[in-house]
């Protein structure tokens, strides 16, 4: 049974960390800490939840299976037709000799054939 003759007390901590006790009627009221003169709302803790350790958070989250990483693909290479260096197949210019190594479009191939025949 509750004893209504004595007012109920609540322990609260000011933003500076001083512990205070006050009547439950003070909850939500703006009060001043007698130790440091800081004004704050009684009964509301500014640092609620801040005292949770990393271990406690990890226990709450639980084990998460590691994601399967895709195997790294080896780049497809080709030899440069001019200097023979190994270059990426998607490269259009050899980074060793600066020669154009990409496939020539059809009209350029026909122009080169025509130039060779002349």
Protein backbone atom coordinates (compact mmCIF):
# COMPACT_ATOMS: atom_id res chain seq x y z
CA UNK A 1 0.00 0.00 0.00
CA UNK A 2 1.11 3.50 -0.74
CA UNK A 3 1.71 5.83 2.16
CA UNK A 4 0.09 9.09 1.01
CA UNK A 5 1.14 10.93 4.16
CA UNK A 6 4.76 11.31 2.99
CA UNK A 7 5.43 13.05 -0.34
CA UNK A 8 7.19 10.79 -2.82
CA UNK A 9 10.75 11.76 -3.70
CA UNK A 10 12.56 11.36 -6.99
CA UNK A 11 16.31 11.35 -7.52
CA UNK A 12 17.51 13.32 -10.53
CA UNK A 13 20.89 14.37 -11.92
CA UNK A 14 21.63 17.89 -13.12
CA UNK A 15 23.47 18.38 -16.46
CA UNK A 16 26.72 18.85 -14.50
CA UNK A 17 26.27 15.46 -12.79
CA UNK A 18 25.10 16.53 -9.32
CA UNK A 19 22.45 14.24 -7.78
CA UNK A 20 19.32 15.94 -6.46
CA UNK A 21 16.23 14.69 -4.68
CA UNK A 22 12.89 16.37 -4.98
CA UNK A 23 9.16 15.80 -4.74
CA UNK A 24 7.46 14.14 -7.71
CA UNK A 25 5.46 17.35 -8.15
CA UNK A 26 8.67 18.94 -9.46
CA UNK A 27 8.81 16.66 -12.53
CA UNK A 28 8.81 18.86 -15.63
CA UNK A 29 9.49 22.04 -13.65
CA UNK A 30 12.49 24.27 -14.27
CA UNK A 31 14.75 24.02 -11.21
CA UNK A 32 18.19 25.29 -10.25
CA UNK A 33 20.90 22.96 -8.97
CA UNK A 34 22.03 24.16 -5.53
CA UNK A 35 25.57 22.90 -6.17
CA UNK A 36 26.33 24.57 -9.52
CA UNK A 37 23.39 26.96 -10.15
CA UNK A 38 22.61 25.32 -13.52
CA UNK A 39 18.93 25.55 -14.48
CA UNK A 40 17.34 22.39 -15.94
CA UNK A 41 14.02 20.56 -16.17
CA UNK A 42 13.64 18.28 -13.14
CA UNK A 43 13.11 14.59 -13.87
CA UNK A 44 14.38 14.70 -17.45
CA UNK A 45 17.83 13.22 -17.87
CA UNK A 46 19.88 14.86 -20.62
CA UNK A 47 22.12 11.82 -20.97
CA UNK A 48 19.55 9.00 -21.01
CA UNK A 49 20.97 6.07 -22.92
CA UNK A 50 24.47 7.48 -23.01
CA UNK A 51 25.78 5.00 -20.46
CA UNK A 52 25.39 2.00 -22.76
CA UNK A 53 28.62 0.14 -23.40
CA UNK A 54 29.76 -1.05 -26.82
CA UNK A 55 29.40 -4.63 -25.62
CA UNK A 56 25.77 -4.03 -24.65
CA UNK A 57 25.02 -2.55 -28.07
CA UNK A 58 26.63 -5.53 -29.80
CA UNK A 59 24.54 -7.92 -27.67
CA UNK A 60 21.39 -6.05 -28.64
CA UNK A 61 22.26 -6.10 -32.34
CA UNK A 62 23.28 -9.76 -32.28
CA UNK A 63 25.37 -11.61 -34.81
CA UNK A 64 25.13 -10.49 -38.40
CA UNK A 65 26.37 -12.94 -41.02
CA UNK A 66 29.21 -11.60 -43.12
CA UNK A 67 28.20 -10.58 -46.61
CA UNK A 68 29.55 -12.67 -49.41
CA UNK A 69 31.94 -10.58 -51.42
CA UNK A 70 32.16 -11.10 -55.12
CA UNK A 71 35.43 -12.58 -56.29
CA UNK A 72 37.54 -10.01 -58.03
CA UNK A 73 37.67 -10.56 -61.73
CA UNK A 74 41.03 -10.55 -63.43
CA UNK A 75 41.09 -7.86 -66.10
CA UNK A 76 41.10 -9.07 -69.68
CA UNK A 77 44.25 -7.87 -71.39
CA UNK A 78 45.61 -7.72 -74.91
CA UNK A 79 49.06 -7.00 -76.34
CA UNK A 80 49.68 -3.62 -77.95
CA UNK A 81 50.10 -4.06 -81.74
CA UNK A 82 52.89 -1.47 -81.77
CA UNK A 83 55.08 -2.08 -78.70
CA UNK A 84 53.79 -5.45 -77.43
CA UNK A 85 53.06 -4.21 -73.88
CA UNK A 86 50.14 -5.77 -72.05
CA UNK A 87 47.21 -3.35 -71.88
CA UNK A 88 43.59 -3.56 -70.82
CA UNK A 89 41.30 -4.94 -73.52
CA UNK A 90 38.98 -1.94 -73.20
CA UNK A 91 41.82 0.58 -73.67
CA UNK A 92 41.75 2.60 -76.84
CA UNK A 93 45.30 4.00 -76.47
CA UNK A 94 48.40 2.14 -75.25
CA UNK A 95 49.68 3.86 -72.11
CA UNK A 96 53.27 2.80 -72.94
CA UNK A 97 53.69 4.04 -76.52
CA UNK A 98 50.52 6.18 -76.92
CA UNK A 99 49.45 4.23 -80.03
CA UNK A 100 45.78 3.93 -80.92
CA UNK A 101 44.86 0.28 -80.31
CA UNK A 102 41.06 0.28 -80.42
CA UNK A 103 39.15 -1.31 -83.27
CA UNK A 104 38.72 1.13 -86.10
CA UNK A 105 35.19 1.84 -87.26
CA UNK A 106 34.22 0.44 -90.66
CA UNK A 107 34.61 3.68 -92.63
CA UNK A 108 38.12 4.25 -91.23
CA UNK A 109 39.14 0.69 -92.17
CA UNK A 110 37.91 1.22 -95.71
CA UNK A 111 39.81 4.53 -95.91
CA UNK A 112 43.03 2.82 -94.73
CA UNK A 113 42.62 0.05 -97.30
CA UNK A 114 42.03 2.64 -100.02
CA UNK A 115 45.11 4.60 -98.93
CA UNK A 116 47.27 1.45 -99.00
CA UNK A 117 46.04 0.55 -102.49
CA UNK A 118 46.92 3.98 -103.90
